[in-house]
């Protein structure tokens, strides 16, 4: 999550997209293994996706 937010702060859209995909995969794996609750994973993925969308200029 930190790496995605860091890429958003530097306004690097390509890097943010790549890191978002990796972060979503890691969050999904954590949910499947029981490290993180499903709703928590969904909330975090949603937050990251919205931050990247605002970087692209889309409505969040």
PDB file of N, CA and C in Angstrom:
ATOM      1  N   UNK A   1       0.824  -1.190   0.000  1.00  0.00           N
ATOM      2  CA  UNK A   1       0.000   0.000   0.000  1.00  0.00           C
ATOM      3  C   UNK A   1       0.867   1.252   0.000  1.00  0.00           C
ATOM      4  N   UNK A   2       1.947   1.218   0.769  1.00  0.00           N
ATOM      5  CA  UNK A   2       2.809   2.388   0.848  1.00  0.00           C
ATOM      6  C   UNK A   2       3.402   2.726  -0.510  1.00  0.00           C
ATOM      7  N   UNK A   3       3.788   1.711  -1.267  1.00  0.00           N
ATOM      8  CA  UNK A   3       4.407   1.948  -2.565  1.00  0.00           C
ATOM      9  C   UNK A   3       3.415   2.550  -3.553  1.00  0.00           C
ATOM     10  N   UNK A   4       2.153   2.133  -3.486  1.00  0.00           N
ATOM     11  CA  UNK A   4       1.130   2.705  -4.370  1.00  0.00           C
ATOM     12  C   UNK A   4       0.923   4.171  -4.015  1.00  0.00           C
ATOM     13  N   UNK A   5       0.774   4.456  -2.736  1.00  0.00           N
ATOM     14  CA  UNK A   5       0.554   5.834  -2.307  1.00  0.00           C
ATOM     15  C   UNK A   5       1.757   6.718  -2.634  1.00  0.00           C
ATOM     16  N   UNK A   6       2.944   6.145  -2.554  1.00  0.00           N
ATOM     17  CA  UNK A   6       4.153   6.884  -2.903  1.00  0.00           C
ATOM     18  C   UNK A   6       4.158   7.241  -4.391  1.00  0.00           C
ATOM     19  N   UNK A   7       3.750   6.298  -5.228  1.00  0.00           N
ATOM     20  CA  UNK A   7       3.687   6.555  -6.667  1.00  0.00           C
ATOM     21  C   UNK A   7       2.629   7.605  -6.987  1.00  0.00           C
ATOM     22  N   UNK A   8       1.527   7.599  -6.254  1.00  0.00           N
ATOM     23  CA  UNK A   8       0.470   8.600  -6.464  1.00  0.00           C
ATOM     24  C   UNK A   8       0.989   9.986  -6.081  1.00  0.00           C
ATOM     25  N   UNK A   9       1.737  10.062  -4.980  1.00  0.00           N
ATOM     26  CA  UNK A   9       2.265  11.353  -4.541  1.00  0.00           C
ATOM     27  C   UNK A   9       3.242  11.941  -5.552  1.00  0.00           C
ATOM     28  N   UNK A  10       4.004  11.072  -6.220  1.00  0.00           N
ATOM     29  CA  UNK A  10       4.956  11.554  -7.222  1.00  0.00           C
ATOM     30  C   UNK A  10       4.292  11.753  -8.579  1.00  0.00           C
ATOM     31  N   UNK A  11       3.003  11.430  -8.663  1.00  0.00           N
ATOM     32  CA  UNK A  11       2.191  11.605  -9.873  1.00  0.00           C
ATOM     33  C   UNK A  11       2.707  10.778 -11.050  1.00  0.00           C
ATOM     34  N   UNK A  12       3.211   9.596 -10.768  1.00  0.00           N
ATOM     35  CA  UNK A  12       3.691   8.682 -11.798  1.00  0.00           C
ATOM     36  C   UNK A  12       2.590   7.659 -12.084  1.00  0.00           C
ATOM     37  N   UNK A  13       1.816   7.901 -13.136  1.00  0.00           N
ATOM     38  CA  UNK A  13       0.635   7.077 -13.396  1.00  0.00           C
ATOM     39  C   UNK A  13       0.994   5.643 -13.772  1.00  0.00           C
ATOM     40  N   UNK A  14       2.015   5.459 -14.600  1.00  0.00           N
ATOM     41  CA  UNK A  14       2.383   4.106 -15.025  1.00  0.00           C
ATOM     42  C   UNK A  14       2.847   3.268 -13.834  1.00  0.00           C
ATOM     43  N   UNK A  15       3.676   3.853 -12.999  1.00  0.00           N
ATOM     44  CA  UNK A  15       4.175   3.147 -11.826  1.00  0.00           C
ATOM     45  C   UNK A  15       3.043   2.857 -10.847  1.00  0.00           C
ATOM     46  N   UNK A  16       2.130   3.808 -10.682  1.00  0.00           N
ATOM     47  CA  UNK A  16       0.999   3.622  -9.777  1.00  0.00           C
ATOM     48  C   UNK A  16       0.119   2.472 -10.249  1.00  0.00           C
ATOM     49  N   UNK A  17      -0.107   2.368 -11.558  1.00  0.00           N
ATOM     50  CA  UNK A  17      -0.917   1.276 -12.090  1.00  0.00           C
ATOM     51  C   UNK A  17      -0.268  -0.081 -11.828  1.00  0.00           C
ATOM     52  N   UNK A  18       1.037  -0.166 -12.060  1.00  0.00           N
ATOM     53  CA  UNK A  18       1.749  -1.429 -11.831  1.00  0.00           C
ATOM     54  C   UNK A  18       1.700  -1.817 -10.359  1.00  0.00           C
ATOM     55  N   UNK A  19       1.975  -0.850  -9.506  1.00  0.00           N
ATOM     56  CA  UNK A  19       1.992  -1.137  -8.066  1.00  0.00           C
ATOM     57  C   UNK A  19       0.602  -1.445  -7.535  1.00  0.00           C
ATOM     58  N   UNK A  20      -0.430  -0.853  -8.128  1.00  0.00           N
ATOM     59  CA  UNK A  20      -1.798  -1.147  -7.716  1.00  0.00           C
ATOM     60  C   UNK A  20      -2.130  -2.609  -7.985  1.00  0.00           C
ATOM     61  N   UNK A  21      -1.740  -3.106  -9.153  1.00  0.00           N
ATOM     62  CA  UNK A  21      -2.005  -4.499  -9.493  1.00  0.00           C
ATOM     63  C   UNK A  21      -1.309  -5.447  -8.517  1.00  0.00           C
ATOM     64  N   UNK A  22      -0.069  -5.131  -8.168  1.00  0.00           N
ATOM     65  CA  UNK A  22       0.678  -5.967  -7.220  1.00  0.00           C
ATOM     66  C   UNK A  22       0.031  -5.906  -5.837  1.00  0.00           C
ATOM     67  N   UNK A  23      -0.347  -4.710  -5.418  1.00  0.00           N
ATOM     68  CA  UNK A  23      -0.947  -4.540  -4.096  1.00  0.00           C
ATOM     69  C   UNK A  23      -2.268  -5.285  -3.988  1.00  0.00           C
ATOM     70  N   UNK A  24      -3.084  -5.238  -5.040  1.00  0.00           N
ATOM     71  CA  UNK A  24      -4.355  -5.951  -5.006  1.00  0.00           C
ATOM     72  C   UNK A  24      -4.133  -7.447  -4.898  1.00  0.00           C
ATOM     73  N   UNK A  25      -3.126  -7.964  -5.579  1.00  0.00           N
ATOM     74  CA  UNK A  25      -2.805  -9.380  -5.511  1.00  0.00           C
ATOM     75  C   UNK A  25      -2.369  -9.773  -4.102  1.00  0.00           C
ATOM     76  N   UNK A  26      -1.528  -8.961  -3.499  1.00  0.00           N
ATOM     77  CA  UNK A  26      -1.043  -9.243  -2.144  1.00  0.00           C
ATOM     78  C   UNK A  26      -2.197  -9.194  -1.141  1.00  0.00           C
ATOM     79  N   UNK A  27      -3.075  -8.219  -1.291  1.00  0.00           N
ATOM     80  CA  UNK A  27      -4.223  -8.099  -0.387  1.00  0.00           C
ATOM     81  C   UNK A  27      -5.140  -9.310  -0.540  1.00  0.00           C
ATOM     82  N   UNK A  28      -5.392  -9.733  -1.789  1.00  0.00           N
ATOM     83  CA  UNK A  28      -6.240 -10.905  -2.018  1.00  0.00           C
ATOM     84  C   UNK A  28      -5.642 -12.155  -1.384  1.00  0.00           C
ATOM     85  N   UNK A  29      -4.337 -12.325  -1.502  1.00  0.00           N
ATOM     86  CA  UNK A  29      -3.679 -13.487  -0.902  1.00  0.00           C
ATOM     87  C   UNK A  29      -3.796 -13.454   0.619  1.00  0.00           C
ATOM     88  N   UNK A  30      -3.662 -12.273   1.202  1.00  0.00           N
ATOM     89  CA  UNK A  30      -3.776 -12.144   2.658  1.00  0.00           C
ATOM     90  C   UNK A  30      -5.184 -12.502   3.125  1.00  0.00           C
ATOM     91  N   UNK A  31      -6.190 -12.137   2.343  1.00  0.00           N
ATOM     92  CA  UNK A  31      -7.584 -12.454   2.698  1.00  0.00           C
ATOM     93  C   UNK A  31      -7.814 -13.959   2.608  1.00  0.00           C
ATOM     94  N   UNK A  32      -7.313 -14.583   1.555  1.00  0.00           N
ATOM     95  CA  UNK A  32      -7.507 -16.026   1.365  1.00  0.00           C
ATOM     96  C   UNK A  32      -6.840 -16.811   2.487  1.00  0.00           C
ATOM     97  N   UNK A  33      -5.670 -16.360   2.926  1.00  0.00           N
ATOM     98  CA  UNK A  33      -4.933 -17.080   3.963  1.00  0.00           C
ATOM     99  C   UNK A  33      -5.439 -16.769   5.369  1.00  0.00           C
ATOM    100  N   UNK A  34      -6.358 -15.822   5.486  1.00  0.00           N
ATOM    101  CA  UNK A  34      -6.933 -15.503   6.780  1.00  0.00           C
ATOM    102  C   UNK A  34      -6.141 -14.489   7.579  1.00  0.00           C
ATOM    103  N   UNK A  35      -5.161 -13.858   6.960  1.00  0.00           N
ATOM    104  CA  UNK A  35      -4.369 -12.840   7.648  1.00  0.00           C
ATOM    105  C   UNK A  35      -5.179 -11.568   7.817  1.00  0.00           C
ATOM    106  N   UNK A  36      -6.051 -11.312   6.858  1.00  0.00           N
ATOM    107  CA  UNK A  36      -6.847 -10.088   6.835  1.00  0.00           C
ATOM    108  C   UNK A  36      -8.305 -10.468   6.587  1.00  0.00           C
ATOM    109  N   UNK A  37      -9.211  -9.769   7.234  1.00  0.00           N
ATOM    110  CA  UNK A  37     -10.643 -10.002   7.029  1.00  0.00           C
ATOM    111  C   UNK A  37     -11.037  -9.534   5.624  1.00  0.00           C
ATOM    112  N   UNK A  38     -12.018 -10.186   5.048  1.00  0.00           N
ATOM    113  CA  UNK A  38     -12.447  -9.875   3.682  1.00  0.00           C
ATOM    114  C   UNK A  38     -12.873  -8.439   3.493  1.00  0.00           C
ATOM    115  N   UNK A  39     -13.633  -7.909   4.441  1.00  0.00           N
ATOM    116  CA  UNK A  39     -14.093  -6.524   4.319  1.00  0.00           C
ATOM    117  C   UNK A  39     -12.937  -5.537   4.410  1.00  0.00           C
ATOM    118  N   UNK A  40     -11.958  -5.851   5.239  1.00  0.00           N
ATOM    119  CA  UNK A  40     -10.779  -4.988   5.351  1.00  0.00           C
ATOM    120  C   UNK A  40     -10.023  -4.969   4.037  1.00  0.00           C
ATOM    121  N   UNK A  41      -9.861  -6.125   3.421  1.00  0.00           N
ATOM    122  CA  UNK A  41      -9.185  -6.207   2.137  1.00  0.00           C
ATOM    123  C   UNK A  41      -9.916  -5.414   1.071  1.00  0.00           C
ATOM    124  N   UNK A  42     -11.226  -5.552   1.047  1.00  0.00           N
ATOM    125  CA  UNK A  42     -12.027  -4.816   0.065  1.00  0.00           C
ATOM    126  C   UNK A  42     -11.912  -3.308   0.276  1.00  0.00           C
ATOM    127  N   UNK A  43     -11.941  -2.889   1.518  1.00  0.00           N
ATOM    128  CA  UNK A  43     -11.848  -1.466   1.830  1.00  0.00           C
ATOM    129  C   UNK A  43     -10.494  -0.903   1.391  1.00  0.00           C
ATOM    130  N   UNK A  44      -9.432  -1.647   1.655  1.00  0.00           N
ATOM    131  CA  UNK A  44      -8.104  -1.171   1.285  1.00  0.00           C
ATOM    132  C   UNK A  44      -7.920  -1.129  -0.223  1.00  0.00           C
ATOM    133  N   UNK A  45      -8.411  -2.132  -0.928  1.00  0.00           N
ATOM    134  CA  UNK A  45      -8.311  -2.133  -2.389  1.00  0.00           C
ATOM    135  C   UNK A  45      -9.108  -0.975  -2.979  1.00  0.00           C
ATOM    136  N   UNK A  46     -10.268  -0.708  -2.422  1.00  0.00           N
ATOM    137  CA  UNK A  46     -11.105   0.390  -2.895  1.00  0.00           C
ATOM    138  C   UNK A  46     -10.407   1.730  -2.690  1.00  0.00           C
ATOM    139  N   UNK A  47      -9.796   1.907  -1.535  1.00  0.00           N
ATOM    140  CA  UNK A  47      -9.105   3.155  -1.227  1.00  0.00           C
ATOM    141  C   UNK A  47      -7.955   3.377  -2.202  1.00  0.00           C
ATOM    142  N   UNK A  48      -7.169   2.331  -2.448  1.00  0.00           N
ATOM    143  CA  UNK A  48      -6.039   2.460  -3.365  1.00  0.00           C
ATOM    144  C   UNK A  48      -6.509   2.746  -4.789  1.00  0.00           C
ATOM    145  N   UNK A  49      -7.557   2.041  -5.215  1.00  0.00           N
ATOM    146  CA  UNK A  49      -8.088   2.243  -6.564  1.00  0.00           C
ATOM    147  C   UNK A  49      -8.584   3.675  -6.741  1.00  0.00           C
ATOM    148  N   UNK A  50      -9.269   4.194  -5.740  1.00  0.00           N
ATOM    149  CA  UNK A  50      -9.770   5.568  -5.825  1.00  0.00           C
ATOM    150  C   UNK A  50      -8.633   6.581  -5.898  1.00  0.00           C
ATOM    151  N   UNK A  51      -7.561   6.338  -5.160  1.00  0.00           N
ATOM    152  CA  UNK A  51      -6.417   7.256  -5.202  1.00  0.00           C
ATOM    153  C   UNK A  51      -5.784   7.258  -6.593  1.00  0.00           C
ATOM    154  N   UNK A  52      -5.655   6.069  -7.206  1.00  0.00           N
ATOM    155  CA  UNK A  52      -5.064   5.985  -8.528  1.00  0.00           C
ATOM    156  C   UNK A  52      -5.998   6.620  -9.554  1.00  0.00           C
ATOM    157  N   UNK A  53      -7.305   6.453  -9.397  1.00  0.00           N
ATOM    158  CA  UNK A  53      -8.270   7.067 -10.331  1.00  0.00           C
ATOM    159  C   UNK A  53      -8.161   8.591 -10.277  1.00  0.00           C
ATOM    160  N   UNK A  54      -8.019   9.155  -9.098  1.00  0.00           N
ATOM    161  CA  UNK A  54      -7.890  10.610  -9.002  1.00  0.00           C
ATOM    162  C   UNK A  54      -6.615  11.081  -9.670  1.00  0.00           C
ATOM    163  N   UNK A  55      -5.581  10.247  -9.651  1.00  0.00           N
ATOM    164  CA  UNK A  55      -4.341  10.576 -10.341  1.00  0.00           C
ATOM    165  C   UNK A  55      -4.543  10.651 -11.840  1.00  0.00           C
ATOM    166  N   UNK A  56      -5.403   9.783 -12.367  1.00  0.00           N
ATOM    167  CA  UNK A  56      -5.708   9.771 -13.796  1.00  0.00           C
ATOM    168  C   UNK A  56      -6.700  10.875 -14.177  1.00  0.00           C
ATOM    169  N   UNK A  57      -7.284  11.523 -13.191  1.00  0.00           N
ATOM    170  CA  UNK A  57      -8.229  12.583 -13.467  1.00  0.00           C
ATOM    171  C   UNK A  57      -9.660  12.107 -13.603  1.00  0.00           C
ATOM    172  N   UNK A  58      -9.908  10.846 -13.265  1.00  0.00           N
ATOM    173  CA  UNK A  58     -11.264  10.312 -13.336  1.00  0.00           C
ATOM    174  C   UNK A  58     -11.992  10.646 -12.044  1.00  0.00           C
ATOM    175  N   UNK A  59     -13.304  10.587 -12.108  1.00  0.00           N
ATOM    176  CA  UNK A  59     -14.094  10.825 -10.903  1.00  0.00           C
ATOM    177  C   UNK A  59     -13.963   9.632  -9.981  1.00  0.00           C
ATOM    178  N   UNK A  60     -13.697   9.916  -8.718  1.00  0.00           N
ATOM    179  CA  UNK A  60     -13.492   8.821  -7.760  1.00  0.00           C
ATOM    180  C   UNK A  60     -14.770   8.420  -7.104  1.00  0.00           C
TER     181      UNK A  60
END
